Protein backbone atom coordinates (compact mmCIF):
# COMPACT_ATOMS: atom_id res chain seq x y z
CA MET A 1 -20.69 30.47 -89.05
CA GLN A 2 -16.98 29.71 -89.51
CA LEU A 3 -16.20 26.61 -87.48
CA ARG A 4 -12.60 25.66 -86.84
CA SER A 5 -11.38 22.66 -84.83
CA THR A 6 -8.08 22.49 -82.98
CA ILE A 7 -6.33 20.00 -80.71
CA ILE A 8 -4.44 21.15 -77.63
CA SER A 9 -2.06 19.04 -75.55
CA ASN A 10 -2.50 21.07 -72.36
CA ILE A 11 -5.79 22.46 -71.14
CA SER A 12 -4.02 25.56 -69.86
CA GLU A 13 -3.89 26.61 -73.52
CA VAL A 14 -7.60 27.46 -73.35
CA CYS A 15 -9.05 30.19 -71.13
CA SER A 16 -10.65 28.68 -68.03
CA GLU A 17 -13.58 31.11 -68.19
CA ASP A 18 -14.31 30.11 -71.79
CA TRP A 19 -14.15 26.39 -70.98
CA ASP A 20 -16.28 26.63 -67.84
CA ALA A 21 -18.91 28.71 -69.67
CA LEU A 22 -19.75 25.70 -71.87
CA GLU A 23 -22.86 23.75 -70.94
CA GLY A 24 -21.88 20.57 -69.10
CA ALA A 25 -18.68 21.90 -67.57
CA GLY A 26 -20.48 22.53 -64.28
CA GLN A 27 -19.78 18.98 -63.09
CA PRO A 28 -16.60 19.21 -61.00
CA PHE A 29 -14.76 16.56 -63.03
CA LEU A 30 -15.35 18.50 -66.25
CA SER A 31 -14.25 21.85 -64.86
CA HIS A 32 -11.11 23.49 -66.19
CA ALA A 33 -9.66 23.42 -62.66
CA PHE A 34 -10.04 19.65 -62.26
CA LEU A 35 -8.65 18.76 -65.68
CA ASP A 36 -5.83 21.27 -65.31
CA ALA A 37 -4.89 19.88 -61.89
CA LEU A 38 -4.59 16.39 -63.40
CA GLU A 39 -2.07 17.72 -65.90
CA ARG A 40 -0.30 20.15 -63.59
CA HIS A 41 0.45 17.45 -61.02
CA ASP A 42 1.40 14.68 -63.48
CA CYS A 43 -1.65 12.52 -62.78
CA VAL A 44 -1.94 12.08 -66.54
CA GLY A 45 0.76 12.05 -69.19
CA LYS A 46 3.09 9.59 -70.86
CA HIS A 47 3.91 7.71 -67.66
CA TRP A 48 0.24 6.81 -67.10
CA GLY A 49 -0.73 6.41 -70.76
CA TRP A 50 -3.11 9.39 -70.75
CA LEU A 51 -1.83 12.00 -73.22
CA PRO A 52 -4.10 15.09 -73.35
CA ARG A 53 -5.48 15.83 -76.80
CA HIS A 54 -8.41 18.08 -75.99
CA LEU A 55 -10.66 19.01 -78.91
CA LEU A 56 -11.83 22.61 -79.27
CA LEU A 57 -14.32 24.02 -81.74
CA HIS A 58 -14.29 27.76 -82.45
CA ASP A 59 -16.66 29.95 -84.41
CA GLY A 60 -14.25 32.66 -85.45
CA GLU A 61 -12.46 33.51 -82.21
CA ARG A 62 -15.19 32.26 -79.90
CA LEU A 63 -15.03 28.84 -78.22
CA VAL A 64 -18.38 27.16 -78.95
CA ALA A 65 -17.64 23.52 -78.10
CA ALA A 66 -15.04 21.23 -76.56
CA THR A 67 -14.48 17.72 -75.34
CA PRO A 68 -11.80 16.38 -72.96
CA GLN A 69 -9.88 13.86 -74.99
CA TYR A 70 -6.79 11.70 -74.49
CA LEU A 71 -4.51 9.56 -76.61
CA LYS A 72 -4.27 6.25 -74.75
CA THR A 73 -1.51 3.64 -74.80
CA ASN A 74 -3.39 1.33 -72.39
CA SER A 75 -6.90 0.99 -70.96
CA TYR A 76 -6.07 1.66 -67.31
CA GLY A 77 -8.36 4.03 -65.45
CA GLU A 78 -11.22 3.93 -67.96
CA LEU A 79 -13.63 1.53 -66.20
CA VAL A 80 -15.17 0.53 -69.54
CA PHE A 81 -13.41 -2.74 -70.08
CA ASP A 82 -12.17 -3.43 -73.61
CA GLY A 83 -9.34 -5.87 -72.86
CA ASP A 84 -10.95 -8.58 -74.98
CA TRP A 85 -11.06 -6.19 -77.93
CA ALA A 86 -7.36 -5.40 -77.52
CA GLU A 87 -6.50 -9.10 -77.35
CA ALA A 88 -8.52 -9.80 -80.50
CA TYR A 89 -6.60 -7.09 -82.35
CA GLN A 90 -3.31 -8.55 -81.14
CA ARG A 91 -4.26 -12.07 -82.27
CA SER A 92 -5.05 -10.62 -85.69
CA GLY A 93 -1.67 -8.91 -85.92
CA LEU A 94 -3.17 -5.44 -85.53
CA ALA A 95 -2.42 -2.69 -83.05
CA TYR A 96 -5.27 -1.64 -80.74
CA TYR A 97 -3.11 1.01 -79.08
CA PRO A 98 -2.86 3.90 -79.34
CA LYS A 99 -6.53 4.79 -79.25
CA LEU A 100 -8.44 7.97 -78.40
CA VAL A 101 -10.84 8.35 -75.50
CA ALA A 102 -13.16 11.24 -74.75
CA ALA A 103 -13.44 10.87 -71.00
CA VAL A 104 -12.43 12.11 -67.57
CA PRO A 105 -9.42 10.08 -66.41
CA TYR A 106 -10.06 7.56 -63.60
CA THR A 107 -13.66 8.82 -63.27
CA PRO A 108 -16.52 6.47 -64.21
CA THR A 109 -19.12 9.18 -63.70
CA THR A 110 -21.86 9.90 -66.21
CA GLY A 111 -21.88 13.46 -67.47
CA ALA A 112 -21.58 15.69 -70.49
CA ARG A 113 -18.87 14.78 -72.98
CA LEU A 114 -19.97 17.25 -75.64
CA LEU A 115 -19.48 20.64 -73.98
CA ILE A 116 -21.48 23.18 -75.99
CA ALA A 117 -22.07 26.93 -75.71
CA THR A 118 -25.58 27.73 -74.52
CA ASP A 119 -26.66 30.17 -77.24
CA VAL A 120 -25.76 28.29 -80.43
CA ASP A 121 -27.58 25.86 -82.69
CA ARG A 122 -26.80 22.81 -80.58
CA GLU A 123 -27.60 20.25 -83.25
CA VAL A 124 -25.24 21.85 -85.75
CA ILE A 125 -22.42 22.31 -83.23
CA VAL A 126 -22.74 18.80 -81.78
CA HIS A 127 -22.62 17.27 -85.27
CA ALA A 128 -19.52 19.33 -86.11
CA LEU A 129 -17.78 18.41 -82.84
CA ILE A 130 -18.32 14.67 -83.28
CA GLU A 131 -17.25 14.86 -86.92
CA ALA A 132 -14.10 16.76 -85.93
CA ALA A 133 -13.25 14.12 -83.32
CA ILE A 134 -13.64 11.29 -85.83
CA ASN A 135 -11.59 13.15 -88.43
CA HIS A 136 -8.84 13.66 -85.86
CA ALA A 137 -8.89 9.93 -85.10
CA ARG A 138 -8.54 9.17 -88.81
CA ARG A 139 -5.60 11.57 -89.18
CA LEU A 140 -3.83 9.88 -86.27
CA SER A 141 -4.56 6.42 -87.72
CA VAL A 142 -5.65 5.16 -84.30
CA SER A 143 -7.67 1.99 -83.99
CA SER A 144 -10.64 3.59 -82.32
CA LEU A 145 -12.27 6.51 -80.52
CA HIS A 146 -14.27 5.91 -77.34
CA TRP A 147 -16.63 8.30 -75.55
CA LEU A 148 -16.87 7.04 -71.97
CA PHE A 149 -19.85 7.65 -69.67
CA PRO A 150 -21.73 10.23 -71.76
CA GLY A 151 -25.09 11.44 -70.51
CA LEU A 152 -28.29 10.44 -72.29
CA ARG A 153 -28.42 13.43 -74.63
CA ASP A 154 -24.81 12.98 -75.71
CA ARG A 155 -25.31 9.24 -76.08
CA ASP A 156 -28.18 9.81 -78.49
CA ALA A 157 -26.18 12.36 -80.48
CA LEU A 158 -23.24 9.97 -80.78
CA ALA A 159 -25.50 7.10 -81.84
CA ALA A 160 -27.11 9.32 -84.47
CA GLN A 161 -23.70 9.74 -86.09
CA GLY A 162 -23.11 6.03 -86.28
CA LEU A 163 -21.09 5.28 -83.15
CA LEU A 164 -21.66 1.92 -81.48
CA ILE A 165 -23.34 2.20 -78.08
CA ARG A 166 -22.32 0.01 -75.17
CA THR A 167 -24.49 -0.30 -72.05
CA GLY A 168 -23.17 -0.80 -68.54
CA CYS A 169 -24.66 -0.75 -65.05
CA GLN A 170 -23.95 1.20 -61.90
CA PHE A 171 -25.96 1.77 -58.72
CA HIS A 172 -27.26 5.26 -57.94
CA TRP A 173 -29.45 6.76 -55.23
CA HIS A 174 -32.19 9.31 -55.83
CA ASN A 175 -33.64 11.66 -53.25
CA GLN A 176 -37.42 11.37 -52.91
CA GLY A 177 -37.73 14.34 -50.58
CA TYR A 178 -36.59 12.58 -47.42
CA ALA A 179 -36.71 14.69 -44.26
CA ASP A 180 -33.78 12.91 -42.64
CA PHE A 181 -32.02 9.54 -42.61
CA ALA A 182 -34.63 8.00 -40.32
CA HIS A 183 -37.37 9.08 -42.72
CA TYR A 184 -35.41 7.45 -45.53
CA LEU A 185 -35.21 4.16 -43.62
CA ASP A 186 -38.96 4.30 -42.96
CA HIS A 187 -39.40 3.39 -46.64
CA PHE A 188 -37.41 0.16 -46.23
CA THR A 189 -38.77 -3.25 -45.39
CA SER A 190 -38.40 -4.10 -41.72
CA ALA A 191 -35.54 -6.57 -42.24
CA LYS A 192 -33.50 -4.22 -44.42
CA ARG A 193 -34.09 -1.29 -42.09
CA LYS A 194 -32.94 -3.29 -39.08
CA ASN A 195 -29.81 -4.41 -40.91
CA ILE A 196 -28.73 -0.86 -41.71
CA ARG A 197 -29.39 0.31 -38.18
CA ARG A 198 -27.34 -2.64 -36.93
CA GLU A 199 -24.45 -1.79 -39.25
CA ARG A 200 -24.42 1.84 -38.15
CA ARG A 201 -24.55 0.79 -34.51
CA ARG A 202 -21.53 -1.48 -34.97
CA VAL A 203 -19.50 1.54 -36.09
CA GLN A 204 -20.64 3.58 -33.09
CA GLU A 205 -19.75 0.70 -30.76
CA SER A 206 -16.22 0.70 -32.19
CA GLY A 207 -15.66 4.02 -30.48
CA LEU A 208 -15.28 5.89 -33.76
CA SER A 209 -16.43 9.44 -34.35
CA ILE A 210 -17.04 10.65 -37.89
CA ARG A 211 -16.71 14.22 -39.03
CA GLN A 212 -17.38 15.86 -42.37
CA TYR A 213 -15.04 18.46 -43.85
CA TYR A 214 -14.69 20.31 -47.09
CA GLY A 215 -11.34 19.82 -48.74
CA GLU A 216 -10.17 23.38 -48.16
CA GLN A 217 -10.80 22.94 -44.41
CA LEU A 218 -8.31 20.09 -43.99
CA SER A 219 -4.86 20.82 -42.70
CA GLU A 220 -1.77 19.64 -44.54
CA THR A 221 -1.38 16.86 -41.97
CA GLN A 222 -4.97 15.72 -42.41
CA TRP A 223 -4.61 15.71 -46.19
CA ARG A 224 -1.49 13.60 -45.93
CA ILE A 225 -3.42 11.05 -43.88
CA VAL A 226 -6.39 11.05 -46.28
CA HIS A 227 -4.08 10.58 -49.23
CA ARG A 228 -2.31 7.75 -47.44
CA HIS A 229 -5.67 6.03 -46.99
CA TYR A 230 -6.46 6.49 -50.69
CA ALA A 231 -3.08 5.14 -51.79
CA ALA A 232 -3.27 2.16 -49.41
CA THR A 233 -6.52 0.99 -51.01
CA PHE A 234 -4.92 0.92 -54.46
CA ALA A 235 -1.86 -0.88 -53.11
CA ARG A 236 -4.07 -3.51 -51.48
CA LEU A 237 -5.94 -4.05 -54.77
CA SER A 238 -2.73 -4.08 -56.86
CA GLY A 239 -3.66 -0.85 -58.57
CA TYR A 240 -1.96 2.51 -59.03
CA ALA A 241 -2.60 5.59 -56.92
CA THR A 242 -2.43 7.98 -59.85
CA LEU A 243 -3.85 11.01 -58.02
CA SER A 244 -1.20 12.82 -56.01
CA LEU A 245 -1.50 14.64 -52.72
CA ALA A 246 -0.74 17.88 -54.58
CA PHE A 247 -3.65 17.19 -56.93
CA PHE A 248 -6.13 16.83 -54.09
CA ARG A 249 -4.83 19.90 -52.33
CA ASP A 250 -5.06 21.86 -55.56
CA ILE A 251 -8.66 20.98 -56.44
CA SER A 252 -9.72 21.60 -52.84
CA GLN A 253 -8.55 25.19 -53.12
CA ARG A 254 -9.80 25.74 -56.67
CA LEU A 255 -13.16 24.03 -56.13
CA PRO A 256 -14.09 25.22 -52.62
CA GLY A 257 -17.12 23.50 -51.14
CA GLN A 258 -17.03 20.75 -53.78
CA VAL A 259 -14.53 18.30 -52.28
CA VAL A 260 -16.29 16.53 -49.40
CA ILE A 261 -14.32 14.43 -46.90
CA PHE A 262 -15.74 12.03 -44.33
CA LEU A 263 -13.10 11.33 -41.70
CA ALA A 264 -13.34 8.59 -39.07
CA GLU A 265 -11.37 9.18 -35.88
CA GLN A 266 -10.48 6.95 -32.96
CA GLU A 267 -9.50 8.84 -29.82
CA GLY A 268 -8.91 11.91 -31.98
CA ARG A 269 -6.67 10.10 -34.47
CA PRO A 270 -7.86 9.73 -38.09
CA VAL A 271 -8.08 6.05 -39.02
CA ALA A 272 -10.18 6.05 -42.21
CA SER A 273 -11.56 8.47 -44.76
CA ALA A 274 -13.73 8.79 -47.84
CA ILE A 275 -13.32 11.38 -50.59
CA CYS A 276 -16.36 12.66 -52.49
CA LEU A 277 -17.06 15.54 -54.84
CA ARG A 278 -20.31 17.42 -55.30
CA ASP A 279 -22.03 19.92 -57.55
CA LYS A 280 -25.37 21.71 -57.16
CA HIS A 281 -27.48 18.58 -57.36
CA ASN A 282 -25.25 15.51 -57.00
CA LEU A 283 -22.74 13.83 -54.71
CA TYR A 284 -20.08 11.60 -56.25
CA GLY A 285 -18.30 9.01 -54.14
CA ARG A 286 -14.74 8.55 -55.37
CA HIS A 287 -12.16 7.00 -53.01
CA TRP A 288 -11.79 5.58 -49.55
CA GLY A 289 -9.18 3.91 -47.37
CA CYS A 290 -8.35 2.96 -43.80
CA ASP A 291 -5.42 2.22 -41.51
CA LYS A 292 -7.01 -0.94 -40.13
CA HIS A 293 -10.26 -2.86 -40.39
CA PHE A 294 -13.34 -1.77 -38.47
CA ASP A 295 -16.53 -3.76 -38.89
CA LYS A 296 -19.00 -2.06 -41.27
CA LEU A 297 -16.94 1.13 -41.47
CA HIS A 298 -16.72 0.95 -45.26
CA PHE A 299 -20.52 1.06 -45.52
CA GLU A 300 -20.72 3.93 -43.04
CA LEU A 301 -18.11 6.15 -44.70
CA CYS A 302 -18.84 5.36 -48.34
CA TYR A 303 -22.65 5.11 -48.25
CA TYR A 304 -24.48 6.15 -45.10
CA GLN A 305 -22.53 9.34 -44.48
CA GLY A 306 -23.02 10.34 -48.11
CA LEU A 307 -26.73 9.55 -48.03
CA ASP A 308 -27.15 11.59 -44.87
CA TYR A 309 -25.19 14.46 -46.44
CA CYS A 310 -27.41 14.41 -49.55
CA ILE A 311 -30.59 14.48 -47.48
CA ARG A 312 -29.37 17.31 -45.24
CA HIS A 313 -28.17 19.42 -48.18
CA GLY A 314 -31.02 18.68 -50.55
CA LEU A 315 -28.92 16.94 -53.19
CA GLN A 316 -30.92 14.89 -55.65
CA ARG A 317 -28.58 12.05 -56.54
CA PHE A 318 -25.69 10.09 -55.04
CA ASP A 319 -23.41 8.28 -57.46
CA PRO A 320 -21.10 6.23 -55.21
CA GLY A 321 -18.86 4.90 -58.00
CA ALA A 322 -18.60 1.86 -60.23
CA GLN A 323 -19.78 -1.68 -59.57
CA GLY A 324 -21.12 -3.24 -56.35
CA GLU A 325 -24.38 -5.19 -56.16
CA HIS A 326 -24.18 -4.85 -52.36
CA LYS A 327 -25.28 -1.24 -52.82
CA ILE A 328 -28.82 -2.34 -53.73
CA SER A 329 -29.72 -3.33 -50.16
CA ARG A 330 -28.76 0.19 -49.09
CA GLY A 331 -31.08 1.90 -51.55
CA PHE A 332 -28.83 2.38 -54.58
CA LEU A 333 -30.75 1.20 -57.63
CA PRO A 334 -29.37 -0.34 -60.85
CA THR A 335 -28.83 2.42 -63.39
CA ALA A 336 -27.77 2.17 -67.02
CA THR A 337 -24.52 3.82 -68.11
CA TRP A 338 -23.18 4.13 -71.64
CA SER A 339 -20.14 4.47 -73.82
CA ALA A 340 -19.92 5.15 -77.56
CA HIS A 341 -17.32 3.66 -79.89
CA TRP A 342 -15.94 4.52 -83.32
CA ILE A 343 -13.96 1.58 -84.71
CA ALA A 344 -11.73 2.25 -87.71
CA HIS A 345 -11.37 -1.32 -88.98
CA PRO A 346 -14.62 -2.28 -90.78
CA GLU A 347 -14.47 -5.99 -89.96
CA PHE A 348 -13.71 -5.37 -86.31
CA ARG A 349 -16.47 -2.76 -86.22
CA SER A 350 -18.92 -5.39 -87.46
CA ALA A 351 -17.70 -7.97 -84.94
CA ILE A 352 -17.85 -5.50 -82.04
CA ALA A 353 -21.33 -4.36 -83.11
CA ASP A 354 -22.52 -7.97 -82.95
CA PHE A 355 -20.90 -8.45 -79.54
CA LEU A 356 -22.53 -5.28 -78.20
CA HIS A 357 -25.95 -6.36 -79.41
CA HIS A 358 -25.78 -9.54 -77.32
CA GLU A 359 -24.08 -7.84 -74.37
CA THR A 360 -26.71 -5.11 -74.24
CA CYS A 361 -29.52 -7.66 -74.06
CA GLY A 362 -27.75 -9.31 -71.14
CA ILE A 363 -27.17 -6.01 -69.32
CA GLN A 364 -30.81 -4.98 -69.75
CA ASP A 365 -31.98 -8.31 -68.30
CA TYR A 366 -29.48 -7.86 -65.45
CA ILE A 367 -30.81 -4.39 -64.62
CA GLU A 368 -34.42 -5.58 -64.70
CA THR A 369 -33.65 -8.57 -62.48
CA LEU A 370 -31.78 -6.52 -59.90
CA GLY A 371 -34.58 -3.96 -59.90
CA GLU A 372 -36.83 -6.62 -58.40
CA HIS A 373 -34.65 -6.87 -55.28
CA THR A 374 -34.69 -3.36 -53.84
CA PRO A 375 -34.94 -2.86 -50.06
CA PHE A 376 -38.00 -0.64 -50.35
CA LYS A 377 -41.51 -1.57 -49.34
CA ARG A 378 -43.60 -2.83 -52.23
CA ASN A 379 -46.04 0.07 -52.12
CA TYR A 380 -43.19 2.61 -52.30
């Protein structure tokens, strides 16, 4: 085996078929098409502080491993919050930026971060890929390297090579073989079931109709409206709408059947929308927005429509996005997420390790406490 690592600054430099053949690239966010669309339509780059530095590992001429990786000059769009770490570096007269992150930009979704060929010695290749990433970080003299939202297997591999593990919490739904949405609600306590039915009824009483489309089915006009909704939400929250209309149109065509849109209409006019993506087993809620407020519409578009879609299509999991304890009463349960961190400075590494030890204990207690407040009947 003759392993050779390289760094590319544009994912178009690697063959899409080779990238997508790696195990883990089946999640839409990790596909060559999705990552290429981010770069092609300037959703990443110097302006946003996400400079592509994708790591490839070849055995001879064959691509056997890869990880999406970016040189970062800020922490925007990561959703693993390290602002306190950056401030501590600054107070010490050290530079926290630039840093490296192995992640999908603006996407706090757990998935593979070590993309490995299926017919190789995985343990050997994973070890070599992580080692190559750390060596690249050392050559760049960056402060740190962060693997954001790795799956459990990747988390364990990263921990085995000495990276510090950070635990977070999101709220995910799991399909227990529900026949339909009513069957799902049958598993709720009476009070929680009545509340959801009441919320859905409020939307119906507003005179709204909701339709589901796949991205490639939307017209240019519809996409412009959906993108306006998305951008308006970021403007309202003082954020940045980094994903362009061209990006969404592009991935809709290149990932047919994987971009799922829920569109609310009033008298035939779109007034709100939610953007999701899906793969064979999972639905991922990503963005939503509206032209004006309708009572309970956010819950309908972002949760209930997605739950109903998962049940009808036999999907096993619904990840509606980061944060939100209000999701628990709708059947989304607290779920651990992870990140892994290589810190170059030995004293800061020690300090961060101590911080993570205490933080992890707190997060574990938080998850256990929230798990006692699900809407499901006790015998379920």
